[in-house]
Amino acid sequence: MDALKNRLFLLWISHIYVHFIRDFFYKKIYLIDIKKNAIIYYGAEIRNPTGLCIGKGSIIGDNAILDARAGLIIGDDVNLSSDVQIWTYQHDYRDPFFSCNPGHYGKVIIGNRAWIGPRVIILHSVKIGEGAVIAAGAVVTKDVPPFTLVGGIPAKIIGKRPQNLKYHFNGKACSFL
């Protein structure tokens, strides 16, 4: 029952409108490693908060699902758009008990200045390289090289991104009202 209460409390926290109050709960109560100027927008679902690390200046869009049960590291100045899902565990459909067996779970690492488009799904054991861009709606099942643009289901390389990126997000929330 404690696990259920914990998930419900985390869900409640994600629906607090004020950023700094949400951040207080995430950092001080759930011990999420959130660096300076990082923002988690409204409605995020976080699984295993202590396995999550969010780099400085990174933006987590509305309604993101961040499954950190096997570890999730998000670099600096990363932009996760709305409705992104990152899964570090996956059931083995061949297992008679439908378990999460070795080879069906693993840490996800997202490099600095990566841009993850809306409604992207990233599966377990994937590394997204620095400056990579994942097009909207893509399903990422394999590593993405740095400074590449991928899209589709499953995601495939469709372009390149310049390597001279200099931007830093400042942690100021955008108002949508």
N, C-alpha and C. Protein backbone atom coordinates (compact mmCIF):
# COMPACT_ATOMS: atom_id res chain seq x y z
N MET A 1 0.82 -1.20 0.00
CA MET A 1 0.00 0.00 0.00
C MET A 1 0.86 1.26 0.00
N ASP A 2 2.04 1.22 0.66
CA ASP A 2 2.91 2.38 0.70
C ASP A 2 3.37 2.80 -0.69
N ALA A 3 3.64 1.82 -1.56
CA ALA A 3 4.05 2.14 -2.93
C ALA A 3 2.94 2.88 -3.67
N LEU A 4 1.71 2.46 -3.46
CA LEU A 4 0.57 3.13 -4.10
C LEU A 4 0.43 4.56 -3.58
N LYS A 5 0.54 4.75 -2.27
CA LYS A 5 0.47 6.10 -1.70
C LYS A 5 1.58 6.99 -2.26
N ASN A 6 2.76 6.41 -2.37
CA ASN A 6 3.91 7.14 -2.89
C ASN A 6 3.66 7.61 -4.33
N ARG A 7 3.17 6.69 -5.18
CA ARG A 7 2.87 7.06 -6.58
C ARG A 7 1.78 8.12 -6.66
N LEU A 8 0.75 7.99 -5.83
CA LEU A 8 -0.33 8.98 -5.83
C LEU A 8 0.18 10.35 -5.37
N PHE A 9 1.05 10.37 -4.36
CA PHE A 9 1.61 11.64 -3.89
C PHE A 9 2.47 12.28 -4.97
N LEU A 10 3.29 11.47 -5.64
CA LEU A 10 4.11 12.00 -6.75
C LEU A 10 3.23 12.56 -7.85
N LEU A 11 2.13 11.87 -8.15
CA LEU A 11 1.20 12.36 -9.18
C LEU A 11 0.57 13.67 -8.74
N TRP A 12 0.20 13.76 -7.46
CA TRP A 12 -0.38 15.00 -6.94
C TRP A 12 0.63 16.14 -7.08
N ILE A 13 1.89 15.87 -6.70
CA ILE A 13 2.94 16.89 -6.79
C ILE A 13 3.06 17.39 -8.23
N SER A 14 3.00 16.49 -9.20
CA SER A 14 3.18 16.87 -10.60
C SER A 14 2.09 17.81 -11.09
N HIS A 15 0.98 17.87 -10.36
CA HIS A 15 -0.14 18.74 -10.77
C HIS A 15 -0.21 20.03 -9.97
N ILE A 16 0.81 20.30 -9.15
CA ILE A 16 0.90 21.60 -8.48
C ILE A 16 1.30 22.61 -9.54
N TYR A 17 0.57 23.69 -9.63
CA TYR A 17 0.78 24.65 -10.72
C TYR A 17 2.10 25.40 -10.60
N VAL A 18 2.56 25.69 -9.38
CA VAL A 18 3.72 26.56 -9.17
C VAL A 18 5.02 25.73 -9.23
N HIS A 19 5.92 26.11 -10.15
CA HIS A 19 7.17 25.38 -10.36
C HIS A 19 8.02 25.22 -9.11
N PHE A 20 8.26 26.30 -8.39
CA PHE A 20 9.20 26.21 -7.27
C PHE A 20 8.65 25.32 -6.14
N ILE A 21 7.34 25.22 -6.01
CA ILE A 21 6.78 24.31 -5.00
C ILE A 21 6.97 22.86 -5.45
N ARG A 22 6.70 22.58 -6.74
CA ARG A 22 6.96 21.23 -7.27
C ARG A 22 8.43 20.87 -7.09
N ASP A 23 9.33 21.79 -7.44
CA ASP A 23 10.77 21.55 -7.31
C ASP A 23 11.16 21.23 -5.86
N PHE A 24 10.56 21.92 -4.91
CA PHE A 24 10.87 21.65 -3.51
C PHE A 24 10.57 20.18 -3.18
N PHE A 25 9.39 19.73 -3.54
CA PHE A 25 9.02 18.33 -3.27
C PHE A 25 9.94 17.36 -4.01
N TYR A 26 10.19 17.64 -5.29
CA TYR A 26 11.03 16.74 -6.08
C TYR A 26 12.44 16.64 -5.49
N LYS A 27 13.02 17.79 -5.11
CA LYS A 27 14.41 17.81 -4.64
C LYS A 27 14.55 17.39 -3.18
N LYS A 28 13.68 17.90 -2.32
CA LYS A 28 13.85 17.71 -0.87
C LYS A 28 13.15 16.46 -0.33
N ILE A 29 12.03 16.09 -0.89
CA ILE A 29 11.28 14.93 -0.39
C ILE A 29 11.65 13.67 -1.18
N TYR A 30 11.70 13.78 -2.51
CA TYR A 30 11.96 12.61 -3.36
C TYR A 30 13.41 12.49 -3.81
N LEU A 31 14.24 13.46 -3.44
CA LEU A 31 15.69 13.42 -3.67
C LEU A 31 16.06 13.23 -5.14
N ILE A 32 15.28 13.82 -6.03
CA ILE A 32 15.64 13.81 -7.44
C ILE A 32 16.83 14.75 -7.63
N ASP A 33 17.81 14.29 -8.39
CA ASP A 33 19.00 15.10 -8.66
C ASP A 33 18.67 16.05 -9.82
N ILE A 34 18.19 17.22 -9.46
CA ILE A 34 17.81 18.24 -10.45
C ILE A 34 18.80 19.39 -10.33
N LYS A 35 19.51 19.65 -11.40
CA LYS A 35 20.53 20.70 -11.38
C LYS A 35 19.89 22.08 -11.58
N LYS A 36 20.71 23.11 -11.43
CA LYS A 36 20.29 24.51 -11.52
C LYS A 36 19.58 24.79 -12.85
N ASN A 37 18.52 25.58 -12.77
CA ASN A 37 17.75 26.06 -13.93
C ASN A 37 17.01 24.98 -14.71
N ALA A 38 16.92 23.77 -14.17
CA ALA A 38 16.12 22.73 -14.82
C ALA A 38 14.65 22.92 -14.43
N ILE A 39 13.76 22.60 -15.36
CA ILE A 39 12.32 22.77 -15.14
C ILE A 39 11.61 21.47 -15.48
N ILE A 40 10.72 21.06 -14.59
CA ILE A 40 9.81 19.94 -14.88
C ILE A 40 8.42 20.55 -14.95
N TYR A 41 7.83 20.52 -16.13
CA TYR A 41 6.50 21.09 -16.31
C TYR A 41 5.42 20.18 -15.74
N TYR A 42 4.22 20.62 -15.87
CA TYR A 42 3.02 20.06 -15.28
C TYR A 42 2.76 18.61 -15.72
N GLY A 43 2.37 17.77 -14.78
CA GLY A 43 1.84 16.44 -15.09
C GLY A 43 2.86 15.35 -15.34
N ALA A 44 4.10 15.54 -14.95
CA ALA A 44 5.12 14.50 -15.18
C ALA A 44 4.84 13.29 -14.30
N GLU A 45 5.02 12.10 -14.87
CA GLU A 45 4.95 10.86 -14.11
C GLU A 45 6.38 10.36 -13.95
N ILE A 46 6.81 10.22 -12.71
CA ILE A 46 8.19 9.83 -12.43
C ILE A 46 8.19 8.50 -11.69
N ARG A 47 8.88 7.53 -12.25
CA ARG A 47 9.02 6.22 -11.60
C ARG A 47 10.45 6.09 -11.09
N ASN A 48 10.59 5.80 -9.81
CA ASN A 48 11.86 5.72 -9.10
C ASN A 48 12.61 7.05 -9.14
N PRO A 49 12.12 8.04 -8.42
CA PRO A 49 12.73 9.38 -8.44
C PRO A 49 14.22 9.39 -8.13
N THR A 50 14.70 8.52 -7.25
CA THR A 50 16.12 8.55 -6.89
C THR A 50 17.02 8.04 -8.01
N GLY A 51 16.45 7.43 -9.05
CA GLY A 51 17.23 6.98 -10.20
C GLY A 51 17.30 8.00 -11.31
N LEU A 52 16.74 9.19 -11.07
CA LEU A 52 16.64 10.23 -12.09
C LEU A 52 17.64 11.34 -11.82
N CYS A 53 18.35 11.75 -12.86
CA CYS A 53 19.27 12.89 -12.79
C CYS A 53 18.96 13.81 -13.97
N ILE A 54 18.66 15.07 -13.68
CA ILE A 54 18.33 16.05 -14.72
C ILE A 54 19.38 17.16 -14.70
N GLY A 55 20.07 17.34 -15.81
CA GLY A 55 21.16 18.31 -15.92
C GLY A 55 20.68 19.75 -15.90
N LYS A 56 21.64 20.66 -15.70
CA LYS A 56 21.31 22.08 -15.58
C LYS A 56 20.70 22.62 -16.86
N GLY A 57 19.68 23.46 -16.66
CA GLY A 57 19.01 24.12 -17.77
C GLY A 57 18.12 23.22 -18.60
N SER A 58 17.92 21.97 -18.21
CA SER A 58 17.08 21.08 -19.01
C SER A 58 15.61 21.33 -18.76
N ILE A 59 14.80 21.06 -19.78
CA ILE A 59 13.37 21.31 -19.74
C ILE A 59 12.65 20.00 -19.96
N ILE A 60 11.76 19.66 -19.03
CA ILE A 60 10.93 18.46 -19.14
C ILE A 60 9.52 18.95 -19.41
N GLY A 61 8.99 18.65 -20.60
CA GLY A 61 7.68 19.15 -21.02
C GLY A 61 6.51 18.53 -20.27
N ASP A 62 5.33 19.09 -20.49
CA ASP A 62 4.10 18.61 -19.88
C ASP A 62 3.89 17.12 -20.13
N ASN A 63 3.37 16.45 -19.11
CA ASN A 63 2.90 15.06 -19.20
C ASN A 63 3.98 14.06 -19.61
N ALA A 64 5.22 14.34 -19.29
CA ALA A 64 6.30 13.40 -19.59
C ALA A 64 6.20 12.20 -18.66
N ILE A 65 6.59 11.03 -19.17
CA ILE A 65 6.75 9.84 -18.34
C ILE A 65 8.24 9.55 -18.27
N LEU A 66 8.78 9.61 -17.07
CA LEU A 66 10.21 9.41 -16.85
C LEU A 66 10.38 8.16 -15.98
N ASP A 67 10.64 7.04 -16.61
CA ASP A 67 10.83 5.77 -15.91
C ASP A 67 12.31 5.63 -15.58
N ALA A 68 12.66 5.87 -14.32
CA ALA A 68 14.07 5.82 -13.90
C ALA A 68 14.36 4.56 -13.08
N ARG A 69 13.56 3.52 -13.22
CA ARG A 69 13.76 2.31 -12.42
C ARG A 69 15.12 1.67 -12.70
N ALA A 70 15.61 1.76 -13.93
CA ALA A 70 16.94 1.23 -14.25
C ALA A 70 17.95 2.37 -14.42
N GLY A 71 17.55 3.58 -14.12
CA GLY A 71 18.42 4.75 -14.22
C GLY A 71 18.11 5.58 -15.45
N LEU A 72 18.02 6.88 -15.25
CA LEU A 72 17.75 7.82 -16.34
C LEU A 72 18.58 9.07 -16.09
N ILE A 73 19.50 9.35 -17.03
CA ILE A 73 20.36 10.52 -16.93
C ILE A 73 20.05 11.45 -18.10
N ILE A 74 19.66 12.66 -17.77
CA ILE A 74 19.34 13.67 -18.78
C ILE A 74 20.40 14.75 -18.65
N GLY A 75 21.13 15.03 -19.73
CA GLY A 75 22.24 15.97 -19.71
C GLY A 75 21.81 17.42 -19.54
N ASP A 76 22.74 18.33 -19.76
CA ASP A 76 22.51 19.77 -19.63
C ASP A 76 21.83 20.32 -20.89
N ASP A 77 20.94 21.30 -20.68
CA ASP A 77 20.29 22.03 -21.77
C ASP A 77 19.54 21.11 -22.74
N VAL A 78 18.97 20.05 -22.21
CA VAL A 78 18.16 19.12 -23.00
C VAL A 78 16.73 19.63 -23.01
N ASN A 79 16.05 19.48 -24.13
CA ASN A 79 14.64 19.85 -24.21
C ASN A 79 13.82 18.60 -24.51
N LEU A 80 13.01 18.17 -23.53
CA LEU A 80 12.03 17.11 -23.74
C LEU A 80 10.69 17.79 -23.96
N SER A 81 10.12 17.63 -25.13
CA SER A 81 8.84 18.27 -25.43
C SER A 81 7.70 17.57 -24.68
N SER A 82 6.49 18.02 -24.89
CA SER A 82 5.33 17.45 -24.20
C SER A 82 5.09 16.01 -24.61
N ASP A 83 4.59 15.23 -23.65
CA ASP A 83 4.15 13.84 -23.85
C ASP A 83 5.27 12.88 -24.22
N VAL A 84 6.51 13.20 -23.90
CA VAL A 84 7.63 12.28 -24.14
C VAL A 84 7.54 11.15 -23.12
N GLN A 85 7.82 9.93 -23.58
CA GLN A 85 7.85 8.76 -22.70
C GLN A 85 9.22 8.12 -22.78
N ILE A 86 9.85 7.94 -21.62
CA ILE A 86 11.14 7.25 -21.57
C ILE A 86 10.97 6.04 -20.65
N TRP A 87 11.20 4.86 -21.20
CA TRP A 87 10.99 3.60 -20.48
C TRP A 87 12.30 2.86 -20.31
N THR A 88 12.67 2.54 -19.06
CA THR A 88 13.90 1.80 -18.80
C THR A 88 13.61 0.31 -18.53
N TYR A 89 12.37 -0.06 -18.40
CA TYR A 89 11.96 -1.45 -18.21
C TYR A 89 10.96 -1.84 -19.28
N GLN A 90 11.01 -3.08 -19.70
CA GLN A 90 10.08 -3.60 -20.71
C GLN A 90 9.83 -5.07 -20.39
N HIS A 91 8.60 -5.48 -20.45
CA HIS A 91 8.26 -6.90 -20.21
C HIS A 91 8.75 -7.76 -21.36
N ASP A 92 9.11 -8.99 -21.03
CA ASP A 92 9.53 -9.99 -22.03
C ASP A 92 8.29 -10.76 -22.45
N TYR A 93 7.80 -10.52 -23.64
CA TYR A 93 6.57 -11.17 -24.10
C TYR A 93 6.73 -12.68 -24.23
N ARG A 94 7.97 -13.18 -24.28
CA ARG A 94 8.20 -14.63 -24.40
C ARG A 94 8.23 -15.31 -23.04
N ASP A 95 8.39 -14.56 -21.97
CA ASP A 95 8.49 -15.13 -20.64
C ASP A 95 7.11 -15.60 -20.16
N PRO A 96 7.01 -16.83 -19.62
CA PRO A 96 5.70 -17.32 -19.18
C PRO A 96 5.11 -16.49 -18.04
N PHE A 97 5.95 -15.75 -17.31
CA PHE A 97 5.47 -14.91 -16.22
C PHE A 97 5.43 -13.43 -16.61
N PHE A 98 5.71 -13.13 -17.91
CA PHE A 98 5.67 -11.76 -18.43
C PHE A 98 6.60 -10.84 -17.63
N SER A 99 7.76 -11.36 -17.24
CA SER A 99 8.72 -10.65 -16.39
C SER A 99 9.55 -9.65 -17.20
N CYS A 100 10.24 -8.81 -16.45
CA CYS A 100 11.23 -7.90 -17.03
C CYS A 100 12.59 -8.57 -16.86
N ASN A 101 12.99 -9.35 -17.81
CA ASN A 101 14.22 -10.13 -17.75
C ASN A 101 15.42 -9.33 -18.24
N PRO A 102 16.65 -9.77 -17.85
CA PRO A 102 17.85 -9.11 -18.39
C PRO A 102 17.77 -9.03 -19.92
N GLY A 103 18.20 -7.92 -20.44
CA GLY A 103 18.07 -7.67 -21.87
C GLY A 103 16.80 -6.91 -22.20
N HIS A 104 15.92 -6.76 -21.20
CA HIS A 104 14.68 -6.02 -21.39
C HIS A 104 14.59 -4.82 -20.46
N TYR A 105 15.71 -4.46 -19.89
CA TYR A 105 15.76 -3.24 -19.10
C TYR A 105 17.20 -2.70 -19.12
N GLY A 106 17.31 -1.41 -18.89
CA GLY A 106 18.63 -0.78 -18.87
C GLY A 106 18.51 0.73 -18.82
N LYS A 107 19.58 1.36 -18.35
CA LYS A 107 19.64 2.81 -18.18
C LYS A 107 19.49 3.52 -19.54
N VAL A 108 18.85 4.67 -19.51
CA VAL A 108 18.77 5.57 -20.67
C VAL A 108 19.60 6.81 -20.34
N ILE A 109 20.43 7.21 -21.30
CA ILE A 109 21.28 8.40 -21.13
C ILE A 109 21.01 9.35 -22.30
N ILE A 110 20.73 10.59 -21.98
CA ILE A 110 20.47 11.61 -23.00
C ILE A 110 21.56 12.67 -22.88
N GLY A 111 22.32 12.87 -23.96
CA GLY A 111 23.44 13.80 -23.97
C GLY A 111 23.02 15.26 -23.95
N ASN A 112 23.98 16.12 -23.64
CA ASN A 112 23.76 17.57 -23.57
C ASN A 112 23.17 18.10 -24.88
N ARG A 113 22.27 19.06 -24.73
CA ARG A 113 21.64 19.79 -25.84
C ARG A 113 20.88 18.92 -26.83
N ALA A 114 20.47 17.74 -26.40
CA ALA A 114 19.59 16.93 -27.24
C ALA A 114 18.20 17.56 -27.22
N TRP A 115 17.46 17.36 -28.29
CA TRP A 115 16.10 17.88 -28.40
C TRP A 115 15.20 16.72 -28.74
N ILE A 116 14.28 16.41 -27.83
CA ILE A 116 13.37 15.28 -27.99
C ILE A 116 11.99 15.86 -28.32
N GLY A 117 11.48 15.58 -29.50
CA GLY A 117 10.21 16.15 -29.97
C GLY A 117 9.01 15.60 -29.23
N PRO A 118 7.84 16.19 -29.49
CA PRO A 118 6.61 15.76 -28.81
C PRO A 118 6.25 14.31 -29.13
N ARG A 119 5.72 13.64 -28.13
CA ARG A 119 5.21 12.27 -28.22
C ARG A 119 6.24 11.24 -28.66
N VAL A 120 7.49 11.51 -28.40
CA VAL A 120 8.56 10.54 -28.68
C VAL A 120 8.54 9.48 -27.58
N ILE A 121 8.83 8.24 -27.96
CA ILE A 121 9.00 7.14 -27.02
C ILE A 121 10.44 6.66 -27.14
N ILE A 122 11.13 6.61 -26.00
CA ILE A 122 12.50 6.11 -25.94
C ILE A 122 12.48 4.86 -25.07
N LEU A 123 12.98 3.75 -25.62
CA LEU A 123 12.98 2.49 -24.88
C LEU A 123 14.29 2.26 -24.16
N HIS A 124 14.33 1.23 -23.35
CA HIS A 124 15.44 0.93 -22.45
C HIS A 124 16.79 0.80 -23.16
N SER A 125 17.84 1.03 -22.40
CA SER A 125 19.23 0.79 -22.81
C SER A 125 19.68 1.64 -23.99
N VAL A 126 19.10 2.81 -24.16
CA VAL A 126 19.41 3.68 -25.29
C VAL A 126 20.26 4.86 -24.81
N LYS A 127 21.21 5.25 -25.65
CA LYS A 127 21.99 6.46 -25.41
C LYS A 127 21.73 7.42 -26.56
N ILE A 128 21.27 8.62 -26.22
CA ILE A 128 21.03 9.68 -27.19
C ILE A 128 22.27 10.58 -27.13
N GLY A 129 22.96 10.74 -28.25
CA GLY A 129 24.18 11.52 -28.28
C GLY A 129 23.96 13.01 -28.11
N GLU A 130 25.03 13.71 -27.80
CA GLU A 130 25.01 15.16 -27.64
C GLU A 130 24.45 15.83 -28.88
N GLY A 131 23.55 16.79 -28.67
CA GLY A 131 23.01 17.59 -29.75
C GLY A 131 22.09 16.87 -30.71
N ALA A 132 21.74 15.62 -30.42
CA ALA A 132 20.85 14.87 -31.31
C ALA A 132 19.44 15.44 -31.24
N VAL A 133 18.69 15.26 -32.33
CA VAL A 133 17.29 15.69 -32.40
C VAL A 133 16.45 14.46 -32.75
N ILE A 134 15.39 14.23 -31.96
CA ILE A 134 14.46 13.14 -32.20
C ILE A 134 13.15 13.77 -32.68
N ALA A 135 12.75 13.46 -33.92
CA ALA A 135 11.55 14.07 -34.51
C ALA A 135 10.29 13.60 -33.79
N ALA A 136 9.27 14.42 -33.83
CA ALA A 136 8.00 14.15 -33.17
C ALA A 136 7.47 12.76 -33.53
N GLY A 137 6.98 12.06 -32.52
CA GLY A 137 6.34 10.77 -32.72
C GLY A 137 7.26 9.60 -32.97
N ALA A 138 8.56 9.81 -32.94
CA ALA A 138 9.51 8.72 -33.21
C ALA A 138 9.53 7.73 -32.04
N VAL A 139 9.91 6.49 -32.36
CA VAL A 139 10.14 5.47 -31.35
C VAL A 139 11.60 5.07 -31.43
N VAL A 140 12.36 5.38 -30.37
CA VAL A 140 13.79 5.16 -30.36
C VAL A 140 14.10 3.84 -29.66
N THR A 141 14.67 2.90 -30.41
CA THR A 141 14.98 1.57 -29.89
C THR A 141 16.48 1.30 -29.84
N LYS A 142 17.27 2.17 -30.48
CA LYS A 142 18.72 1.99 -30.55
C LYS A 142 19.41 3.33 -30.28
N ASP A 143 20.71 3.27 -29.99
CA ASP A 143 21.49 4.48 -29.73
C ASP A 143 21.40 5.46 -30.90
N VAL A 144 21.45 6.74 -30.57
CA VAL A 144 21.41 7.81 -31.57
C VAL A 144 22.75 8.54 -31.52
N PRO A 145 23.48 8.60 -32.63
CA PRO A 145 24.78 9.28 -32.64
C PRO A 145 24.64 10.78 -32.37
N PRO A 146 25.70 11.41 -31.87
CA PRO A 146 25.67 12.85 -31.62
C PRO A 146 25.34 13.65 -32.88
N PHE A 147 24.62 14.74 -32.70
CA PHE A 147 24.33 15.74 -33.74
C PHE A 147 23.63 15.14 -34.96
N THR A 148 22.82 14.11 -34.75
CA THR A 148 22.03 13.55 -35.85
C THR A 148 20.55 13.83 -35.59
N LEU A 149 19.79 13.83 -36.66
CA LEU A 149 18.34 13.96 -36.62
C LEU A 149 17.77 12.60 -36.96
N VAL A 150 16.92 12.06 -36.06
CA VAL A 150 16.29 10.77 -36.33
C VAL A 150 14.78 10.94 -36.27
N GLY A 151 14.08 10.07 -37.00
CA GLY A 151 12.63 10.09 -36.98
C GLY A 151 12.08 8.76 -37.46
N GLY A 152 10.81 8.54 -37.18
CA GLY A 152 10.13 7.34 -37.66
C GLY A 152 9.99 6.28 -36.59
N ILE A 153 9.39 5.16 -37.03
CA ILE A 153 9.13 4.03 -36.15
C ILE A 153 9.62 2.77 -36.85
N PRO A 154 10.72 2.18 -36.40
CA PRO A 154 11.65 2.69 -35.40
C PRO A 154 12.46 3.85 -35.97
N ALA A 155 13.02 4.65 -35.08
CA ALA A 155 13.75 5.85 -35.49
C ALA A 155 14.98 5.49 -36.33
N LYS A 156 15.15 6.24 -37.42
CA LYS A 156 16.30 6.08 -38.31
C LYS A 156 16.90 7.47 -38.58
N ILE A 157 18.16 7.51 -38.92
CA ILE A 157 18.83 8.79 -39.21
C ILE A 157 18.24 9.40 -40.48
N ILE A 158 17.84 10.68 -40.36
CA ILE A 158 17.28 11.39 -41.52
C ILE A 158 18.00 12.71 -41.78
N GLY A 159 18.97 13.06 -40.94
CA GLY A 159 19.69 14.30 -41.17
C GLY A 159 20.75 14.54 -40.12
N LYS A 160 21.40 15.70 -40.24
CA LYS A 160 22.46 16.11 -39.32
C LYS A 160 22.10 17.44 -38.70
N ARG A 161 22.71 17.75 -37.55
CA ARG A 161 22.54 19.02 -36.87
C ARG A 161 23.92 19.67 -36.75
N PRO A 162 24.00 20.99 -36.84
CA PRO A 162 25.30 21.66 -36.66
C PRO A 162 25.91 21.32 -35.30
N GLN A 163 27.22 21.30 -35.24
CA GLN A 163 27.90 20.94 -34.00
C GLN A 163 28.34 22.16 -33.19
N ASN A 164 28.09 23.35 -33.68
CA ASN A 164 28.54 24.56 -32.97
C ASN A 164 27.44 25.15 -32.08
N LEU A 165 26.72 24.30 -31.35
CA LEU A 165 25.63 24.75 -30.49
C LEU A 165 26.18 25.51 -29.29
N LYS A 166 25.58 26.65 -28.98
CA LYS A 166 26.08 27.49 -27.91
C LYS A 166 25.02 27.88 -26.88
N TYR A 167 23.78 27.51 -27.10
CA TYR A 167 22.70 27.96 -26.23
C TYR A 167 22.73 27.28 -24.85
N HIS A 168 22.18 28.02 -23.86
CA HIS A 168 21.97 27.51 -22.51
C HIS A 168 20.58 27.97 -22.08
N PHE A 169 19.75 27.05 -21.61
CA PHE A 169 18.44 27.42 -21.10
C PHE A 169 18.60 28.04 -19.72
N ASN A 170 17.81 29.07 -19.44
CA ASN A 170 18.01 29.85 -18.22
C ASN A 170 17.09 29.47 -17.07
N GLY A 171 16.21 28.49 -17.26
CA GLY A 171 15.34 28.06 -16.18
C GLY A 171 14.08 28.88 -16.00
N LYS A 172 13.86 29.82 -16.88
CA LYS A 172 12.63 30.61 -16.80
C LYS A 172 11.50 29.85 -17.48
N ALA A 173 10.42 29.66 -16.74
CA ALA A 173 9.27 28.92 -17.25
C ALA A 173 8.51 29.78 -18.25
N CYS A 174 8.01 29.15 -19.29
CA CYS A 174 7.17 29.84 -20.27
C CYS A 174 5.73 29.79 -19.78
N SER A 175 5.06 30.91 -19.82
CA SER A 175 3.65 30.96 -19.44
C SER A 175 2.80 30.66 -20.65
N PHE A 176 1.82 29.79 -20.48
CA PHE A 176 0.96 29.42 -21.59
C PHE A 176 -0.42 30.05 -21.47
N LEU A 177 -0.60 30.94 -20.51
CA LEU A 177 -1.90 31.57 -20.31
C LEU A 177 -2.01 32.86 -21.06
